[in-house]
């Protein structure tokens, strides 16, 4: 595979609303991010994925864009954005913008004009259909719940919205829409950004009348056109959110010969703790064998043909330490074990803000504390279906998106150093103990451990490009090898809170211990609770 600059990169995702407030209004902003760039540089990452900061009425926290060329005043000004791009570049950090190309806000000028007149030049920017009598055009459901069709009395037709009714879907089959989005991308590239994350990009080729939502027949044609018109010759990295993509589709997206995207986000591994065929709210325990199978399938399947994104968490997912680790007794051990498992695989790792200090899910006990539109929609629907409040809140505490959206916990002062005002969403009460200042001063610092993981990637081709081989171990363990030329790295991770036998470690203790998350020496033939050990050896040994 041709080496690319982003193969050795590590991405840090910022949810601006919750990262750092600079003016006391309780909402994170661009100047707040600028004030924390030294912290991000110290961690060692070299790309910041910035969730949307464009003008927006915030029905879905910025993923409903009313102007792609303006900054939401809550976050600052375009001058602030220019400063962020410049200040980050001075520290060797590039900005990855979040492009929401599948839909806009219903307050975008395109939609306002489209809604007024069926003959508007912007009418075909969106998807309109006649109803069936008094009913919507079809029974298609929104991803947020309810009908995907909303009636517009101005023109007596329905418009499509796969998410909120304030997020009408764009019609990518209409060439002016594609050209308009390409111009948006060119604008930001000219600003000096270094990447794009494409929100739900697998939906842009939808064929509604054929009941095809994701992976429409023209999807890859459109991505290739976008690459040719915008990305070709530019030093930018791209990642597409393609939640339902399987490996064969991933190869189409990421094979360099296809000229589409650098990598994608697939959610196959993240869906392993939900009941098959049901919603994410329908919970089941993680089967580690499933995780081994899925991650190994992607590691081997994309080898030399495509590129993996490596992630546990993001703004739409719960905190991984609460999800698959132990966020109480073994918080440090499980946080560092999960980091080890992910970062030493082949692909570009993504760290979600607070992951590097072991932030946890929040357990609000009253719905009024939550802010997420998806959570409210689920609550209403499940109450109507007869679920108890206890059942509903169990799902929210496990999977709700606000778990990832509580403010960044910087220190133990009032409001955790996030704001001097009242935060837009309540803090997780454990910020007094779990915060960046405490962690970096601790002898068990998750932040310092992540620094080591990032350093290894930056300095070892073996970690970046080495072959991947899953090792057969006890069912409670996840172990694999990376091999490059004559060198080998073996990674052992205990996914339980018990001491587990591990025969394979007996023969490897003569090798160099590259990294471990226990201060004391390893036990012979055993792994302690949530222990992670990384051995380096010569392949001929």
Protein backbone atom coordinates (compact mmCIF):
# COMPACT_ATOMS: atom_id res chain seq x y z
CA UNK A 1 0.00 0.00 0.00
CA UNK A 2 1.19 3.49 -0.85
CA UNK A 3 2.04 5.26 2.44
CA UNK A 4 -0.14 8.24 3.26
CA UNK A 5 0.51 10.93 5.85
CA UNK A 6 -2.67 10.06 7.75
CA UNK A 7 -1.70 6.38 8.18
CA UNK A 8 0.39 7.39 11.20
CA UNK A 9 -2.07 9.98 12.42
CA UNK A 10 -4.28 9.88 15.49
CA UNK A 11 -7.53 11.87 15.46
CA UNK A 12 -9.03 13.65 18.46
CA UNK A 13 -12.76 14.33 18.17
CA UNK A 14 -14.15 17.50 19.72
CA UNK A 15 -17.83 18.09 20.41
CA UNK A 16 -17.54 21.89 20.53
CA UNK A 17 -20.64 22.53 22.62
CA UNK A 18 -19.17 20.50 25.47
CA UNK A 19 -15.41 21.03 25.22
CA UNK A 20 -14.50 24.45 26.64
CA UNK A 21 -16.51 27.63 27.16
CA UNK A 22 -14.55 30.89 26.97
CA UNK A 23 -17.23 33.51 27.60
CA UNK A 24 -19.34 32.16 30.46
CA UNK A 25 -22.52 31.42 28.52
CA UNK A 26 -22.33 27.70 29.35
CA UNK A 27 -21.69 26.66 25.75
CA UNK A 28 -18.31 25.52 24.46
CA UNK A 29 -16.87 27.65 21.68
CA UNK A 30 -13.99 28.10 19.26
CA UNK A 31 -11.95 30.34 21.55
CA UNK A 32 -12.34 27.68 24.21
CA UNK A 33 -10.88 25.08 21.85
CA UNK A 34 -8.01 27.43 20.99
CA UNK A 35 -7.24 27.77 24.71
CA UNK A 36 -6.91 23.97 24.98
CA UNK A 37 -4.73 23.36 21.91
CA UNK A 38 -1.63 22.90 24.06
CA UNK A 39 -3.41 20.09 25.90
CA UNK A 40 -4.28 18.40 22.61
CA UNK A 41 -0.74 18.85 21.33
CA UNK A 42 0.63 17.37 24.56
CA UNK A 43 -1.49 14.27 24.02
CA UNK A 44 0.29 13.79 20.70
CA UNK A 45 -2.58 13.74 18.19
CA UNK A 46 -2.24 15.53 14.87
CA UNK A 47 -5.83 15.86 13.61
CA UNK A 48 -8.85 17.40 15.33
CA UNK A 49 -12.22 16.21 14.07
CA UNK A 50 -14.50 19.14 14.80
CA UNK A 51 -18.20 18.35 15.05
CA UNK A 52 -20.33 20.93 13.17
CA UNK A 53 -19.79 24.58 14.09
CA UNK A 54 -21.79 26.00 11.17
CA UNK A 55 -24.83 28.23 11.54
CA UNK A 56 -27.67 26.08 12.85
CA UNK A 57 -30.90 26.34 14.86
CA UNK A 58 -29.56 23.38 16.86
CA UNK A 59 -32.52 21.05 16.59
CA UNK A 60 -29.94 18.25 16.44
CA UNK A 61 -26.99 20.04 18.03
CA UNK A 62 -25.51 21.40 14.84
CA UNK A 63 -26.22 18.51 12.49
CA UNK A 64 -29.03 20.64 11.07
CA UNK A 65 -27.10 23.26 9.11
CA UNK A 66 -28.69 26.52 7.97
CA UNK A 67 -25.52 27.96 6.36
CA UNK A 68 -22.38 26.00 5.46
CA UNK A 69 -20.42 29.22 5.02
CA UNK A 70 -21.09 30.79 8.43
CA UNK A 71 -20.22 29.97 12.03
CA UNK A 72 -22.90 29.54 14.69
CA UNK A 73 -22.67 32.72 16.81
CA UNK A 74 -22.76 30.53 19.94
CA UNK A 75 -19.37 29.21 18.88
CA UNK A 76 -17.86 32.46 17.64
CA UNK A 77 -17.10 34.02 14.27
CA UNK A 78 -15.35 33.06 11.06
CA UNK A 79 -12.40 35.07 12.37
CA UNK A 80 -12.28 32.69 15.35
CA UNK A 81 -12.44 29.73 12.98
CA UNK A 82 -9.55 31.10 10.93
CA UNK A 83 -7.58 31.56 14.14
CA UNK A 84 -8.29 27.98 15.22
CA UNK A 85 -7.09 26.59 11.89
CA UNK A 86 -3.93 28.72 12.09
CA UNK A 87 -3.16 28.08 15.79
CA UNK A 88 -3.67 24.35 15.32
CA UNK A 89 -1.40 24.27 12.26
CA UNK A 90 1.33 26.02 14.29
CA UNK A 91 1.25 22.99 16.58
CA UNK A 92 1.30 20.46 13.75
CA UNK A 93 -2.43 19.77 14.07
CA UNK A 94 -4.88 19.74 11.16
CA UNK A 95 -8.62 20.39 11.38
CA UNK A 96 -11.11 17.81 10.03
CA UNK A 97 -14.47 19.44 9.34
CA UNK A 98 -17.72 17.54 9.78
CA UNK A 99 -19.72 17.80 6.54
CA UNK A 100 -23.45 17.09 6.79
CA UNK A 101 -24.23 16.45 3.12
CA UNK A 102 -27.33 14.24 3.40
CA UNK A 103 -29.64 16.93 4.76
CA UNK A 104 -29.86 20.56 5.81
CA UNK A 105 -31.88 22.46 8.37
CA UNK A 106 -35.40 23.43 7.35
CA UNK A 107 -34.14 26.97 8.05
CA UNK A 108 -31.54 26.76 5.28
CA UNK A 109 -32.35 29.29 2.50
CA UNK A 110 -32.52 26.43 -0.02
CA UNK A 111 -35.36 24.76 1.88
CA UNK A 112 -37.15 27.99 2.68
CA UNK A 113 -37.28 28.79 -1.03
CA UNK A 114 -38.14 25.20 -1.98
CA UNK A 115 -41.08 25.16 0.42
CA UNK A 116 -42.71 28.29 -0.90
CA UNK A 117 -43.34 27.29 -4.48
CA UNK A 118 -43.49 24.00 -6.31
CA UNK A 119 -41.82 25.78 -9.25
CA UNK A 120 -38.95 27.15 -7.18
CA UNK A 121 -35.47 26.53 -8.65
CA UNK A 122 -34.64 24.98 -5.28
CA UNK A 123 -37.58 22.59 -5.24
CA UNK A 124 -35.54 19.69 -6.57
CA UNK A 125 -32.85 20.26 -3.93
CA UNK A 126 -35.09 18.16 -1.66
CA UNK A 127 -37.29 15.07 -1.92
CA UNK A 128 -41.02 15.77 -2.29
CA UNK A 129 -43.92 13.39 -2.84
CA UNK A 130 -47.70 13.53 -2.90
CA UNK A 131 -49.49 11.87 -0.04
CA UNK A 132 -51.76 8.87 -0.35
CA UNK A 133 -55.09 10.46 0.48
CA UNK A 134 -54.73 11.75 4.01
CA UNK A 135 -51.67 9.57 4.63
CA UNK A 136 -47.94 10.08 3.98
CA UNK A 137 -46.46 8.78 0.69
CA UNK A 138 -45.17 5.61 2.38
CA UNK A 139 -44.68 3.94 5.75
CA UNK A 140 -40.97 4.81 5.81
CA UNK A 141 -39.76 5.55 9.35
CA UNK A 142 -37.33 8.23 10.45
CA UNK A 143 -34.14 7.02 12.13
CA UNK A 144 -35.15 9.20 15.09
CA UNK A 145 -38.59 7.58 15.19
CA UNK A 146 -41.94 8.42 13.66
CA UNK A 147 -42.72 8.94 9.99
CA UNK A 148 -39.93 10.00 7.63
CA UNK A 149 -42.43 12.25 5.82
CA UNK A 150 -43.60 15.69 6.93
CA UNK A 151 -46.55 17.47 5.35
CA UNK A 152 -45.97 20.98 3.99
CA UNK A 153 -49.26 22.90 3.72
CA UNK A 154 -47.68 25.59 1.51
CA UNK A 155 -47.50 23.26 -1.49
CA UNK A 156 -49.67 20.34 -0.36
CA UNK A 157 -46.83 17.82 -0.56
CA UNK A 158 -44.67 15.85 1.87
CA UNK A 159 -40.89 16.21 2.19
CA UNK A 160 -38.50 13.47 3.26
CA UNK A 161 -36.53 13.61 6.51
CA UNK A 162 -34.61 10.53 7.58
CA UNK A 163 -33.83 12.23 10.89
CA UNK A 164 -35.69 15.13 12.56
CA UNK A 165 -38.52 16.81 10.66
CA UNK A 166 -36.31 19.91 10.84
CA UNK A 167 -33.64 18.05 8.81
CA UNK A 168 -35.04 17.66 5.28
CA UNK A 169 -33.02 15.30 3.08
CA UNK A 170 -31.16 16.69 0.10
CA UNK A 171 -31.72 15.19 -3.35
CA UNK A 172 -28.26 14.14 -4.50
CA UNK A 173 -29.67 12.90 -7.81
CA UNK A 174 -30.11 16.57 -8.77
CA UNK A 175 -26.75 17.80 -10.17
CA UNK A 176 -27.02 21.34 -8.70
CA UNK A 177 -27.11 19.81 -5.21
CA UNK A 178 -23.88 17.94 -5.81
CA UNK A 179 -22.22 21.01 -7.27
CA UNK A 180 -23.34 23.10 -4.31
CA UNK A 181 -21.85 20.64 -1.82
CA UNK A 182 -18.58 20.50 -3.78
CA UNK A 183 -18.33 24.27 -3.53
CA UNK A 184 -18.79 24.03 0.24
CA UNK A 185 -15.91 21.57 0.45
CA UNK A 186 -13.65 23.73 -1.75
CA UNK A 187 -14.37 26.73 0.48
CA UNK A 188 -13.14 24.89 3.57
CA UNK A 189 -10.12 23.38 1.84
CA UNK A 190 -9.13 26.91 0.83
CA UNK A 191 -9.44 27.85 4.49
CA UNK A 192 -6.65 25.36 5.22
CA UNK A 193 -8.49 22.42 6.77
CA UNK A 194 -6.90 18.96 6.39
CA UNK A 195 -9.85 16.59 6.31
CA UNK A 196 -13.57 15.89 6.15
CA UNK A 197 -15.78 13.55 8.12
CA UNK A 198 -18.94 12.91 6.12
CA UNK A 199 -22.07 12.46 8.20
CA UNK A 200 -24.29 9.50 7.11
CA UNK A 201 -22.71 9.65 3.66
CA UNK A 202 -24.06 6.21 2.76
CA UNK A 203 -27.58 7.71 2.53
CA UNK A 204 -26.93 10.22 -0.27
CA UNK A 205 -27.61 7.66 -3.04
CA UNK A 206 -31.02 6.67 -1.66
CA UNK A 207 -33.77 5.57 -4.05
CA UNK A 208 -36.92 6.25 -2.04
CA UNK A 209 -39.36 4.87 -4.60
CA UNK A 210 -37.43 1.59 -4.61
CA UNK A 211 -37.26 1.58 -0.81
CA UNK A 212 -33.44 1.83 -0.87
CA UNK A 213 -32.12 4.10 1.89
CA UNK A 214 -28.43 3.23 2.34
CA UNK A 215 -25.95 2.17 -0.33
CA UNK A 216 -28.03 3.23 -3.31
CA UNK A 217 -26.90 2.16 -6.78
CA UNK A 218 -25.40 5.59 -7.61
CA UNK A 219 -23.64 6.14 -4.27
CA UNK A 220 -20.15 5.18 -5.41
CA UNK A 221 -20.54 7.10 -8.66
CA UNK A 222 -21.28 10.24 -6.66
CA UNK A 223 -18.33 9.69 -4.30
CA UNK A 224 -15.99 9.20 -7.27
CA UNK A 225 -17.34 12.39 -8.82
CA UNK A 226 -16.77 14.22 -5.52
CA UNK A 227 -13.22 12.91 -5.36
CA UNK A 228 -12.50 14.02 -8.92
CA UNK A 229 -14.13 17.45 -8.57
CA UNK A 230 -12.82 18.31 -5.11
CA UNK A 231 -10.36 15.97 -3.43
CA UNK A 232 -7.99 14.94 -6.18
CA UNK A 233 -4.59 16.52 -5.66
CA UNK A 234 -5.49 17.83 -2.19
CA UNK A 235 -3.65 16.75 0.95
CA UNK A 236 -6.85 16.02 2.84
CA UNK A 237 -8.03 12.88 4.63
CA UNK A 238 -11.65 11.75 4.41
CA UNK A 239 -13.74 9.43 6.55
CA UNK A 240 -17.34 8.54 5.81
CA UNK A 241 -19.96 7.54 8.36
CA UNK A 242 -21.42 4.40 6.80
CA UNK A 243 -23.05 2.66 9.73
CA UNK A 244 -24.37 -0.38 7.91
CA UNK A 245 -21.44 -1.01 5.59
CA UNK A 246 -20.08 -4.55 5.41
CA UNK A 247 -16.54 -5.45 4.39
CA UNK A 248 -17.28 -5.74 0.68
CA UNK A 249 -18.75 -2.25 0.69
CA UNK A 250 -15.85 -0.94 2.75
CA UNK A 251 -13.44 -2.14 0.09
CA UNK A 252 -15.32 -0.08 -2.50
CA UNK A 253 -15.18 3.03 -0.33
CA UNK A 254 -11.51 2.77 0.70
CA UNK A 255 -9.61 0.99 -2.09
CA UNK A 256 -7.27 3.72 -3.41
CA UNK A 257 -7.97 2.60 -6.97
CA UNK A 258 -11.65 3.45 -6.45
CA UNK A 259 -10.79 7.07 -5.63
CA UNK A 260 -13.56 7.63 -3.11
CA UNK A 261 -12.75 7.96 0.62
CA UNK A 262 -9.68 7.41 2.81
CA UNK A 263 -11.61 5.31 5.34
CA UNK A 264 -15.09 4.77 6.75
CA UNK A 265 -16.82 4.33 10.08
CA UNK A 266 -18.62 0.99 10.16
CA UNK A 267 -20.69 0.15 13.23
CA UNK A 268 -20.60 -3.62 13.01
CA UNK A 269 -18.49 -3.97 16.17
CA UNK A 270 -20.45 -1.28 18.02
CA UNK A 271 -23.76 -3.08 17.39
CA UNK A 272 -22.64 -6.28 19.14
CA UNK A 273 -24.34 -5.39 22.43
CA UNK A 274 -27.80 -4.88 21.00
CA UNK A 275 -30.41 -7.46 20.12
CA UNK A 276 -30.05 -8.44 16.44
CA UNK A 277 -32.67 -6.89 14.22
CA UNK A 278 -33.84 -4.49 16.92
CA UNK A 279 -32.96 -0.97 18.01
CA UNK A 280 -29.79 0.04 19.81
CA UNK A 281 -31.90 0.47 22.95
CA UNK A 282 -32.55 -3.30 23.11
CA UNK A 283 -29.57 -4.40 25.15
CA UNK A 284 -27.64 -7.63 25.37
CA UNK A 285 -24.26 -8.45 26.94
CA UNK A 286 -21.20 -8.29 24.71
CA UNK A 287 -19.89 -11.69 23.64
CA UNK A 288 -16.12 -11.25 23.40
CA UNK A 289 -15.89 -13.95 20.75
CA UNK A 290 -18.14 -11.79 18.56
CA UNK A 291 -15.84 -8.80 19.07
CA UNK A 292 -12.78 -10.88 18.18
CA UNK A 293 -14.47 -12.18 15.06
CA UNK A 294 -15.69 -8.80 13.81
CA UNK A 295 -12.54 -6.78 14.49
CA UNK A 296 -10.33 -9.52 13.04
CA UNK A 297 -12.57 -9.76 9.98
CA UNK A 298 -12.06 -6.06 9.28
CA UNK A 299 -8.35 -6.12 10.09
CA UNK A 300 -7.67 -8.94 7.65
CA UNK A 301 -10.26 -7.94 5.06
CA UNK A 302 -8.90 -4.44 4.48
CA UNK A 303 -5.24 -5.45 4.62
CA UNK A 304 -3.31 -3.94 1.68
CA UNK A 305 -6.59 -2.98 -0.05
CA UNK A 306 -8.21 -0.36 2.15
CA UNK A 307 -7.80 1.36 5.48
CA UNK A 308 -9.51 0.95 8.85
CA UNK A 309 -10.81 3.60 11.19
CA UNK A 310 -10.34 2.51 14.80
CA UNK A 311 -12.84 3.84 17.32
CA UNK A 312 -14.72 2.92 20.47
CA UNK A 313 -16.63 6.13 21.13
CA UNK A 314 -17.95 9.30 19.52
CA UNK A 315 -20.64 11.91 20.04
CA UNK A 316 -23.35 9.36 19.15
CA UNK A 317 -22.04 6.51 21.29
CA UNK A 318 -21.85 5.93 25.06
CA UNK A 319 -18.54 6.05 26.91
CA UNK A 320 -16.61 2.86 26.14
CA UNK A 321 -15.30 2.47 29.69
CA UNK A 322 -18.89 2.24 30.98
CA UNK A 323 -19.99 0.15 28.04
CA UNK A 324 -17.38 -2.62 27.88
CA UNK A 325 -15.00 -1.82 30.70
CA UNK A 326 -15.32 -1.24 34.43
CA UNK A 327 -15.91 2.40 35.33
CA UNK A 328 -15.53 1.96 39.07
CA UNK A 329 -12.98 -0.39 40.70
CA UNK A 330 -10.91 -0.98 37.55
CA UNK A 331 -11.44 2.31 35.75
CA UNK A 332 -7.75 2.89 34.98
CA UNK A 333 -7.06 -0.72 34.07
CA UNK A 334 -10.05 -1.14 31.76
CA UNK A 335 -9.59 2.27 30.11
CA UNK A 336 -5.96 1.53 29.27
CA UNK A 337 -6.72 -2.06 28.23
CA UNK A 338 -9.37 -0.91 25.77
CA UNK A 339 -7.01 1.77 24.47
CA UNK A 340 -4.24 -0.79 23.99
CA UNK A 341 -6.46 -3.22 22.11
CA UNK A 342 -7.63 -0.57 19.66
CA UNK A 343 -4.56 1.60 19.08
CA UNK A 344 -2.20 -1.23 18.24
CA UNK A 345 -4.40 -2.50 15.40
CA UNK A 346 -4.00 -1.46 11.78
CA UNK A 347 -5.84 1.74 10.96
CA UNK A 348 -6.21 5.34 12.09
CA UNK A 349 -7.32 5.64 15.75
CA UNK A 350 -9.98 8.12 16.83
CA UNK A 351 -10.08 9.39 20.42
CA UNK A 352 -13.29 11.01 21.61
CA UNK A 353 -12.86 13.93 24.03
CA UNK A 354 -12.58 12.66 27.60
CA UNK A 355 -11.75 9.11 26.54
CA UNK A 356 -8.11 9.91 27.31
CA UNK A 357 -8.96 10.59 30.97
CA UNK A 358 -11.51 7.82 31.46
CA UNK A 359 -14.75 9.83 31.49
CA UNK A 360 -17.82 7.68 32.14
CA UNK A 361 -21.51 7.52 31.28
CA UNK A 362 -23.82 9.79 33.25
CA UNK A 363 -26.86 8.42 35.09
CA UNK A 364 -29.36 11.27 35.20
CA UNK A 365 -32.53 10.10 36.91
CA UNK A 366 -34.92 12.65 35.41
CA UNK A 367 -35.63 13.15 31.71
CA UNK A 368 -35.39 16.92 32.09
CA UNK A 369 -31.61 16.64 32.48
CA UNK A 370 -31.26 15.21 28.97
CA UNK A 371 -30.97 17.29 25.82
CA UNK A 372 -30.80 14.74 22.99
CA UNK A 373 -33.69 14.71 20.51
CA UNK A 374 -33.25 10.98 19.90
CA UNK A 375 -33.53 10.20 23.61
CA UNK A 376 -36.79 12.16 23.94
CA UNK A 377 -38.28 10.49 20.87
CA UNK A 378 -37.39 7.02 22.18
CA UNK A 379 -38.81 7.84 25.62
CA UNK A 380 -42.19 8.85 24.17
CA UNK A 381 -42.41 5.88 21.82
CA UNK A 382 -41.47 3.30 24.44
CA UNK A 383 -43.86 4.68 27.02
CA UNK A 384 -46.65 4.30 24.46
CA UNK A 385 -45.57 0.71 23.80
CA UNK A 386 -45.83 -0.17 27.49
CA UNK A 387 -42.19 -0.12 28.58
CA UNK A 388 -41.66 0.89 32.20
CA UNK A 389 -39.67 3.98 33.16
CA UNK A 390 -37.11 1.68 34.75
CA UNK A 391 -36.62 -0.18 31.46
CA UNK A 392 -36.42 3.04 29.46
CA UNK A 393 -33.87 4.65 31.75
CA UNK A 394 -31.76 1.49 31.76
CA UNK A 395 -31.47 1.87 27.99
CA UNK A 396 -30.76 5.61 28.22
CA UNK A 397 -28.06 5.10 30.85
CA UNK A 398 -26.44 2.45 28.65
CA UNK A 399 -26.80 3.89 25.16
CA UNK A 400 -28.07 7.48 25.25
CA UNK A 401 -26.07 9.96 23.18
CA UNK A 402 -25.89 12.46 26.04
CA UNK A 403 -23.53 10.06 27.81
CA UNK A 404 -20.88 11.42 25.45
CA UNK A 405 -22.09 15.02 25.51
CA UNK A 406 -21.74 16.09 29.12
CA UNK A 407 -19.05 18.78 29.46
CA UNK A 408 -15.37 17.93 29.36
CA UNK A 409 -14.06 17.50 32.90
CA UNK A 410 -10.95 19.67 33.21
CA UNK A 411 -10.55 20.01 36.97
CA UNK A 412 -12.40 19.74 40.27
CA UNK A 413 -13.42 23.40 40.52
CA UNK A 414 -17.09 24.36 40.19
CA UNK A 415 -18.35 23.46 36.70
CA UNK A 416 -15.23 21.34 36.19
CA UNK A 417 -13.30 24.20 34.58
CA UNK A 418 -15.62 23.96 31.57
CA UNK A 419 -17.48 27.23 32.17
CA UNK A 420 -17.96 30.05 34.64
CA UNK A 421 -21.67 30.05 33.83
CA UNK A 422 -24.42 27.42 33.79
CA UNK A 423 -23.56 24.60 31.37
CA UNK A 424 -26.02 23.83 28.56
CA UNK A 425 -26.21 20.27 29.90
CA UNK A 426 -25.43 19.22 33.46
CA UNK A 427 -22.02 17.91 34.36
CA UNK A 428 -21.41 14.32 35.32
CA UNK A 429 -21.19 14.61 39.13
CA UNK A 430 -18.03 12.48 39.20
CA UNK A 431 -15.99 15.35 37.70
CA UNK A 432 -14.67 16.11 41.20
CA UNK A 433 -12.61 12.92 41.01
CA UNK A 434 -12.40 12.24 37.26
CA UNK A 435 -10.84 15.20 35.48
CA UNK A 436 -7.87 16.05 33.31
CA UNK A 437 -5.89 17.77 36.04
CA UNK A 438 -6.20 14.88 38.50
CA UNK A 439 -5.46 12.30 35.83
CA UNK A 440 -2.29 13.92 34.54
CA UNK A 441 -0.94 14.19 38.09
CA UNK A 442 -1.83 10.61 39.00
CA UNK A 443 0.61 7.71 39.07
CA UNK A 444 -2.12 5.87 37.15
CA UNK A 445 -2.68 8.42 34.40
CA UNK A 446 -4.82 7.31 31.47
CA UNK A 447 -3.68 10.43 29.60
CA UNK A 448 0.00 9.47 29.96
CA UNK A 449 -0.80 5.94 28.83
CA UNK A 450 -2.52 7.26 25.70
CA UNK A 451 0.55 9.36 25.02
CA UNK A 452 2.60 6.15 24.93
CA UNK A 453 0.14 4.47 22.56
CA UNK A 454 0.31 7.45 20.20
CA UNK A 455 4.11 7.53 20.42
CA UNK A 456 4.32 3.88 19.38
CA UNK A 457 2.20 4.51 16.28
CA UNK A 458 4.24 7.53 15.29
CA UNK A 459 7.52 5.65 15.61
CA UNK A 460 6.87 2.04 14.59
CA UNK A 461 6.01 0.99 11.05
CA UNK A 462 5.10 -2.36 12.58
CA UNK A 463 2.13 -0.77 14.35
CA UNK A 464 1.05 1.15 11.26
CA UNK A 465 1.53 -1.44 8.51
CA UNK A 466 2.22 -4.80 10.16
CA UNK A 467 0.19 -7.92 9.40
CA UNK A 468 -2.51 -8.84 11.90
CA UNK A 469 -3.02 -12.34 13.32
CA UNK A 470 -5.60 -13.22 15.97
CA UNK A 471 -4.21 -15.57 18.62
CA UNK A 472 -6.18 -18.49 20.02
CA UNK A 473 -6.57 -17.90 23.74
CA UNK A 474 -8.90 -18.38 26.65
CA UNK A 475 -12.38 -17.00 25.81
CA UNK A 476 -12.02 -14.11 28.28
CA UNK A 477 -8.90 -12.79 26.53
CA UNK A 478 -8.35 -10.88 23.31
CA UNK A 479 -4.83 -11.42 21.95
CA UNK A 480 -3.26 -10.75 18.58
CA UNK A 481 0.09 -10.34 16.84
CA UNK A 482 1.35 -7.64 14.50
CA UNK A 483 4.22 -8.68 12.25
CA UNK A 484 6.43 -6.46 10.09
CA UNK A 485 9.59 -7.75 8.43
CA UNK A 486 11.50 -9.53 11.24
CA UNK A 487 9.73 -7.89 14.17
CA UNK A 488 6.64 -8.97 16.04
CA UNK A 489 4.43 -7.31 18.64
CA UNK A 490 2.06 -9.47 20.69
CA UNK A 491 -0.89 -7.82 22.45
CA UNK A 492 -2.72 -9.52 25.35
CA UNK A 493 -5.87 -8.05 26.88
CA UNK A 494 -7.97 -9.43 29.76
CA UNK A 495 -11.61 -8.34 29.32
CA UNK A 496 -12.70 -9.39 32.82
CA UNK A 497 -12.37 -8.34 36.46
CA UNK A 498 -10.79 -11.72 37.32
CA UNK A 499 -7.33 -13.23 37.10
CA UNK A 500 -7.29 -15.38 33.96
CA UNK A 501 -4.85 -18.12 32.96
CA UNK A 502 -2.93 -17.26 29.80
CA UNK A 503 -0.49 -19.93 28.70
CA UNK A 504 0.77 -17.91 25.76
CA UNK A 505 2.36 -15.29 27.99
CA UNK A 506 4.71 -17.90 29.50
CA UNK A 507 6.83 -18.14 26.38
CA UNK A 508 6.85 -14.42 25.71
CA UNK A 509 8.14 -13.12 29.01
CA UNK A 510 11.67 -13.43 27.68
CA UNK A 511 10.84 -10.76 25.08
CA UNK A 512 10.84 -7.03 25.65
CA UNK A 513 7.77 -5.62 27.38
CA UNK A 514 6.87 -2.68 25.20
CA UNK A 515 3.89 -1.51 27.22
CA UNK A 516 1.82 -2.63 30.22
CA UNK A 517 -0.90 -1.15 32.40
CA UNK A 518 0.19 -2.65 35.74
CA UNK A 519 3.23 -1.15 37.51
CA UNK A 520 4.34 -4.47 39.00
CA UNK A 521 5.86 -7.30 37.00
CA UNK A 522 3.50 -9.61 35.06
CA UNK A 523 2.36 -12.84 36.62
CA UNK A 524 3.76 -15.95 34.94
CA UNK A 525 1.02 -17.54 32.82
CA UNK A 526 -1.74 -15.25 34.10
CA UNK A 527 -3.36 -11.92 33.37
CA UNK A 528 -4.80 -9.74 36.13
CA UNK A 529 -8.17 -7.92 35.89
CA UNK A 530 -8.30 -5.81 32.72
CA UNK A 531 -4.56 -6.25 32.31
CA UNK A 532 -2.93 -5.33 29.00
CA UNK A 533 0.61 -6.41 28.10
CA UNK A 534 2.44 -5.74 24.84
CA UNK A 535 5.54 -7.81 24.02
CA UNK A 536 8.06 -7.05 21.29
CA UNK A 537 10.19 -9.84 19.90
CA UNK A 538 12.06 -11.02 16.83
CA UNK A 539 9.92 -13.20 14.58
CA UNK A 540 12.66 -15.83 14.49
CA UNK A 541 12.78 -16.23 18.28
